[in-house]
Amino acid sequence: MISPDSPYEVNDMYYDDVKKLADEFLEFAHSCFDDDEKILEGLIVSVYWKLCCDKFSSLAQIIDYLEYIGDFNDQLPYLRKWENTDFSPYLILGDWFCKNASKYLAPYTFNLNYYLEKYKDKPKSKQEKIFFNSSKELYYLNMLCSEIMGRIFRPDYESRKRKAIVLPTCMKINQKSCHAIEKKLGEVCQECNPECEIAKITEEYDCEVYLVSHKSSAFQNTTDTDKKELAIVGVACPLNLISGGWKAAALGMPPQCVLLDKVACSRHWLNEDVPSSINKKELKKIF
């Protein structure tokens, strides 16, 4: 059973299931459309529309609301393109998604309602409220889209000789005693505690490893050289996957993604931080 302290939890089976979902979805989508990047955008737009059309009368109003929240800024350039476009043909993608996603992904959000009830009184900013109150469909959407993004950007990712793994600071074994040093692209682990998951990853992989506290702080100081040379493996909670992937792609750094096994930080989710973890087998497959 999923931990009562997380709205989702993934395991080895998750990566097989999300790949099967993506295969089935893309087979359906390719029967109607032939551009994977447009399929990705059309899926996201159509699902946002289906989830919000009872509250807003137009796609522009939905996008304005996402902009007001302030944590969807990396999605806005991609979504704004659809404001004056007839996206109705792409609604079939949202229909298919809403009918089929739970078949593969429901086991990984089994505990969502219990979690929402347990932490309903935790103080939240407007950004935190949208994360906290997100429906299971938004978890599924980010999970599926990160898999599709990974496939779209994989050739560009593999063509880059310079790679970086970008980890969230919630993976630190102890936030207060961490000796990580701030560098241009994020904190850099000093391997002060060999039991820390970040130290283990830093030791194992011969590449750049950076720590960021939130996707908003990721890639802030990238140079033109970074944008031309660097590909990244980003590690994040599900609800940050679309924004984080598009942020990296917009900077010219082709992304791949690994999910945190479950939520761990007090920034949005919990009353106190706990060390988080990832599926190292999946990281190795991607890298």
Protein backbone atom coordinates (compact mmCIF):
# COMPACT_ATOMS: atom_id res chain seq x y z
CA MET A 1 0.00 0.00 0.00
CA ILE A 2 1.12 3.54 -0.73
CA SER A 3 2.56 5.47 2.21
CA PRO A 4 -0.04 7.65 4.00
CA ASP A 5 2.49 10.49 3.72
CA SER A 6 2.48 10.62 -0.08
CA PRO A 7 -0.25 11.21 -2.67
CA TYR A 8 1.57 8.88 -5.06
CA GLU A 9 4.27 6.24 -4.99
CA VAL A 10 6.06 4.53 -7.86
CA ASN A 11 8.04 1.30 -8.06
CA ASP A 12 9.67 -0.95 -10.66
CA MET A 13 6.30 -1.87 -12.17
CA TYR A 14 5.41 1.80 -12.72
CA TYR A 15 8.04 2.24 -15.45
CA ASP A 16 6.70 -0.76 -17.36
CA ASP A 17 3.13 0.45 -16.96
CA VAL A 18 3.76 4.02 -18.11
CA LYS A 19 5.65 2.74 -21.16
CA LYS A 20 2.71 0.46 -22.04
CA LEU A 21 0.31 3.39 -21.64
CA ALA A 22 2.47 5.57 -23.90
CA ASP A 23 2.69 2.82 -26.54
CA GLU A 24 -1.08 2.40 -26.57
CA PHE A 25 -1.76 6.13 -26.54
CA LEU A 26 0.66 6.91 -29.37
CA GLU A 27 -0.73 4.09 -31.48
CA PHE A 28 -4.16 5.71 -31.16
CA ALA A 29 -2.84 9.27 -31.64
CA HIS A 30 -0.88 8.32 -34.77
CA SER A 31 -4.09 7.10 -36.37
CA CYS A 32 -5.20 10.76 -36.36
CA PHE A 33 -2.04 12.93 -36.21
CA ASP A 34 1.57 12.51 -37.32
CA ASP A 35 3.51 15.13 -35.31
CA ASP A 36 4.53 13.84 -31.87
CA GLU A 37 5.30 17.27 -30.45
CA LYS A 38 1.90 18.54 -31.54
CA ILE A 39 0.29 15.38 -30.16
CA LEU A 40 1.96 16.11 -26.83
CA GLU A 41 0.76 19.71 -26.77
CA GLY A 42 -2.71 18.75 -28.00
CA LEU A 43 -3.04 16.13 -25.29
CA ILE A 44 -2.12 18.61 -22.56
CA VAL A 45 -4.45 21.32 -23.91
CA SER A 46 -7.35 18.90 -24.32
CA VAL A 47 -6.97 17.47 -20.81
CA TYR A 48 -6.73 20.93 -19.23
CA TRP A 49 -9.88 21.85 -21.16
CA LYS A 50 -11.76 18.74 -20.05
CA LEU A 51 -10.79 19.29 -16.41
CA CYS A 52 -11.54 23.03 -16.34
CA CYS A 53 -14.26 23.79 -18.91
CA ASP A 54 -16.96 23.76 -16.23
CA LYS A 55 -15.18 26.69 -14.50
CA PHE A 56 -13.93 28.68 -17.51
CA SER A 57 -15.55 29.56 -20.83
CA SER A 58 -12.42 29.61 -22.98
CA LEU A 59 -8.95 28.13 -23.23
CA ALA A 60 -7.51 31.64 -22.81
CA GLN A 61 -9.17 31.92 -19.40
CA ILE A 62 -7.72 28.57 -18.35
CA ILE A 63 -4.24 29.62 -19.43
CA ASP A 64 -4.65 32.99 -17.68
CA TYR A 65 -5.52 31.11 -14.51
CA LEU A 66 -2.43 28.93 -14.82
CA GLU A 67 -0.37 32.08 -15.27
CA TYR A 68 -1.94 33.61 -12.16
CA ILE A 69 -0.96 30.57 -10.11
CA GLY A 70 2.63 31.20 -11.11
CA ASP A 71 3.96 27.65 -11.15
CA PHE A 72 3.06 26.85 -14.76
CA ASN A 73 5.16 29.57 -16.41
CA ASP A 74 7.33 27.11 -18.33
CA GLN A 75 4.21 25.66 -19.95
CA LEU A 76 2.69 29.00 -20.97
CA PRO A 77 4.60 29.56 -24.27
CA TYR A 78 3.52 26.12 -25.47
CA LEU A 79 -0.10 26.58 -24.37
CA ARG A 80 -0.52 30.16 -25.65
CA LYS A 81 0.03 28.91 -29.21
CA TRP A 82 -3.32 27.12 -28.97
CA GLU A 83 -5.44 30.08 -27.80
CA ASN A 84 -6.46 31.15 -31.31
CA THR A 85 -6.34 27.68 -32.80
CA ASP A 86 -9.19 25.25 -33.30
CA PHE A 87 -8.08 22.55 -30.89
CA SER A 88 -11.34 20.61 -31.14
CA PRO A 89 -9.79 17.83 -33.30
CA TYR A 90 -7.38 17.13 -30.44
CA LEU A 91 -10.16 16.63 -27.88
CA ILE A 92 -10.22 12.98 -28.88
CA LEU A 93 -6.78 12.68 -27.27
CA GLY A 94 -8.16 13.95 -23.97
CA ASP A 95 -11.14 11.62 -24.28
CA TRP A 96 -8.88 8.63 -24.86
CA PHE A 97 -6.62 9.65 -21.98
CA CYS A 98 -9.47 10.06 -19.48
CA LYS A 99 -10.86 6.65 -20.41
CA ASN A 100 -7.60 4.71 -20.37
CA ALA A 101 -4.93 6.29 -18.15
CA SER A 102 -6.26 4.88 -14.89
CA LYS A 103 -6.05 1.36 -16.30
CA TYR A 104 -2.27 1.62 -16.07
CA LEU A 105 -1.60 4.31 -13.46
CA ALA A 106 -4.33 4.08 -10.80
CA PRO A 107 -2.23 1.85 -8.50
CA TYR A 108 0.29 4.67 -8.08
CA THR A 109 -2.23 7.24 -6.77
CA PHE A 110 -4.20 4.78 -4.65
CA ASN A 111 -3.61 6.86 -1.53
CA LEU A 112 -4.39 10.32 -2.95
CA ASN A 113 -7.71 10.93 -1.16
CA TYR A 114 -6.36 9.75 2.19
CA TYR A 115 -3.33 12.00 1.81
CA LEU A 116 -5.49 15.04 0.94
CA GLU A 117 -7.59 14.49 4.03
CA LYS A 118 -4.58 14.00 6.29
CA TYR A 119 -2.85 17.22 5.21
CA LYS A 120 -5.88 19.39 4.46
CA ASP A 121 -5.08 21.80 7.31
CA LYS A 122 -1.44 22.37 6.28
CA PRO A 123 -0.95 26.08 5.39
CA LYS A 124 -0.54 26.53 1.64
CA SER A 125 0.32 29.29 -0.80
CA LYS A 126 -1.68 29.63 -4.02
CA GLN A 127 0.97 27.57 -5.83
CA GLU A 128 0.92 24.90 -3.15
CA LYS A 129 -2.86 24.71 -3.22
CA ILE A 130 -2.95 23.81 -6.90
CA PHE A 131 -0.38 21.05 -6.31
CA PHE A 132 -2.05 19.82 -3.16
CA ASN A 133 -5.54 19.72 -4.67
CA SER A 134 -4.56 18.27 -8.04
CA SER A 135 -6.72 15.43 -9.27
CA LYS A 136 -5.39 12.01 -10.15
CA GLU A 137 -5.82 12.95 -13.83
CA LEU A 138 -3.12 15.63 -13.51
CA TYR A 139 -0.74 13.09 -11.97
CA TYR A 140 -1.48 10.70 -14.85
CA LEU A 141 -1.08 13.47 -17.44
CA ASN A 142 2.36 14.44 -16.17
CA MET A 143 3.43 10.80 -15.95
CA LEU A 144 2.36 10.02 -19.50
CA CYS A 145 3.69 13.28 -20.95
CA SER A 146 7.10 12.82 -19.34
CA GLU A 147 7.35 9.42 -21.02
CA ILE A 148 6.37 10.92 -24.39
CA MET A 149 8.77 13.85 -23.89
CA GLY A 150 11.53 11.40 -23.15
CA ARG A 151 10.93 9.65 -26.45
CA ILE A 152 10.75 12.91 -28.41
CA PHE A 153 14.00 14.28 -26.97
CA ARG A 154 15.92 11.01 -26.71
CA PRO A 155 17.84 11.37 -30.01
CA ASP A 156 19.00 14.89 -29.09
CA TYR A 157 19.82 13.73 -25.56
CA GLU A 158 22.00 10.90 -26.87
CA SER A 159 23.80 13.25 -29.27
CA ARG A 160 25.15 15.40 -26.43
CA LYS A 161 28.50 14.35 -24.99
CA ARG A 162 28.00 16.44 -21.85
CA LYS A 163 25.34 15.15 -19.44
CA ALA A 164 24.05 16.33 -16.07
CA ILE A 165 21.81 14.70 -13.48
CA VAL A 166 19.64 17.29 -11.73
CA LEU A 167 18.40 16.10 -8.33
CA PRO A 168 16.01 17.78 -5.90
CA THR A 169 17.45 18.86 -2.55
CA CYS A 170 14.81 16.74 -0.80
CA MET A 171 17.06 13.76 -1.54
CA LYS A 172 19.59 14.99 1.03
CA ILE A 173 19.90 12.60 3.94
CA ASN A 174 20.10 15.57 6.31
CA GLN A 175 19.22 19.08 5.17
CA LYS A 176 20.90 20.87 8.07
CA SER A 177 24.26 19.10 7.98
CA CYS A 178 24.68 18.96 4.18
CA HIS A 179 27.99 20.37 2.92
CA ALA A 180 26.92 20.88 -0.71
CA ILE A 181 28.47 23.96 -2.35
CA GLU A 182 26.52 26.41 -4.50
CA LYS A 183 27.79 26.50 -8.08
CA LYS A 184 26.57 28.15 -11.28
CA LEU A 185 24.01 25.49 -12.21
CA GLY A 186 23.05 24.38 -8.70
CA GLU A 187 24.46 22.92 -5.53
CA VAL A 188 27.24 20.36 -5.92
CA CYS A 189 27.50 17.40 -3.54
CA GLN A 190 30.70 17.11 -1.49
CA GLU A 191 29.98 13.48 -0.53
CA CYS A 192 30.04 14.37 3.16
CA ASN A 193 27.82 11.42 4.06
CA PRO A 194 28.40 8.17 2.13
CA GLU A 195 24.90 6.97 3.13
CA CYS A 196 23.23 9.88 1.35
CA GLU A 197 21.56 8.91 -1.94
CA ILE A 198 22.98 12.04 -3.59
CA ALA A 199 26.52 11.07 -2.59
CA LYS A 200 25.98 7.56 -3.96
CA ILE A 201 24.78 8.90 -7.32
CA THR A 202 27.64 11.43 -7.46
CA GLU A 203 30.13 8.63 -6.81
CA GLU A 204 28.61 6.26 -9.36
CA TYR A 205 28.13 8.55 -12.36
CA ASP A 206 30.96 10.24 -14.20
CA CYS A 207 29.00 13.36 -15.05
CA GLU A 208 27.85 16.66 -13.62
CA VAL A 209 25.39 16.30 -10.73
CA TYR A 210 23.46 19.33 -9.46
CA LEU A 211 20.96 19.86 -6.68
CA VAL A 212 18.07 22.30 -6.98
CA SER A 213 15.46 23.18 -4.38
CA HIS A 214 12.64 23.71 -6.89
CA LYS A 215 12.22 23.69 -10.65
CA SER A 216 11.96 27.50 -10.57
CA SER A 217 15.61 27.64 -9.47
CA ALA A 218 16.83 25.13 -12.06
CA PHE A 219 19.02 26.29 -14.98
CA GLN A 220 18.90 29.96 -13.91
CA ASN A 221 22.54 30.62 -14.75
CA THR A 222 23.00 28.50 -17.84
CA THR A 223 25.36 29.95 -20.43
CA ASP A 224 25.11 29.76 -24.20
CA THR A 225 27.75 27.03 -24.05
CA ASP A 226 25.64 25.02 -21.57
CA LYS A 227 22.63 25.32 -23.85
CA LYS A 228 24.60 23.98 -26.81
CA GLU A 229 26.47 21.20 -25.00
CA LEU A 230 24.36 19.95 -22.11
CA ALA A 231 21.66 17.28 -21.87
CA ILE A 232 19.96 16.58 -18.56
CA VAL A 233 18.27 13.87 -16.57
CA GLY A 234 15.82 15.64 -14.29
CA VAL A 235 14.41 14.10 -11.13
CA ALA A 236 11.12 15.50 -9.85
CA CYS A 237 7.66 14.87 -8.41
CA PRO A 238 5.03 14.06 -11.06
CA LEU A 239 3.31 17.46 -11.07
CA ASN A 240 6.58 19.19 -12.06
CA LEU A 241 7.39 16.92 -14.99
CA ILE A 242 5.74 18.79 -17.87
CA SER A 243 6.98 22.20 -16.74
CA GLY A 244 10.48 20.96 -15.96
CA GLY A 245 10.82 19.12 -19.27
CA TRP A 246 9.64 22.08 -21.31
CA LYS A 247 11.87 24.44 -19.34
CA ALA A 248 14.95 22.39 -20.19
CA ALA A 249 13.88 21.95 -23.81
CA ALA A 250 13.22 25.67 -24.27
CA LEU A 251 16.79 26.34 -23.16
CA GLY A 252 18.08 23.89 -25.74
CA MET A 253 19.01 21.16 -23.22
CA PRO A 254 17.23 17.92 -24.22
CA PRO A 255 15.69 16.30 -21.12
CA GLN A 256 15.03 12.83 -19.79
CA CYS A 257 13.20 12.18 -16.54
CA VAL A 258 13.07 9.92 -13.48
CA LEU A 259 10.33 10.31 -10.89
CA LEU A 260 10.92 10.62 -7.19
CA ASP A 261 9.57 7.44 -5.64
CA LYS A 262 7.22 9.55 -3.47
CA VAL A 263 6.94 13.06 -2.08
CA ALA A 264 9.40 13.99 0.60
CA CYS A 265 9.65 17.76 1.11
CA SER A 266 7.77 20.18 3.32
CA ARG A 267 7.83 22.86 0.62
CA HIS A 268 4.51 21.69 -0.87
CA TRP A 269 3.67 18.36 0.64
CA LEU A 270 4.56 17.38 4.20
CA ASN A 271 4.85 18.90 7.64
CA GLU A 272 8.57 18.10 7.73
CA ASP A 273 11.24 16.95 5.29
CA VAL A 274 12.18 13.30 4.90
CA PRO A 275 14.94 11.97 2.59
CA SER A 276 13.52 10.97 -0.79
CA SER A 277 14.74 8.33 -3.21
CA ILE A 278 14.57 7.31 -6.86
CA ASN A 279 14.63 4.12 -8.89
CA LYS A 280 18.33 3.69 -9.61
CA LYS A 281 17.72 0.98 -12.18
CA GLU A 282 15.63 3.39 -14.22
CA LEU A 283 18.27 6.10 -13.87
CA LYS A 284 20.89 3.71 -15.19
CA LYS A 285 18.67 2.71 -18.14
CA ILE A 286 18.19 6.34 -19.12
CA PHE A 287 21.77 7.44 -18.60
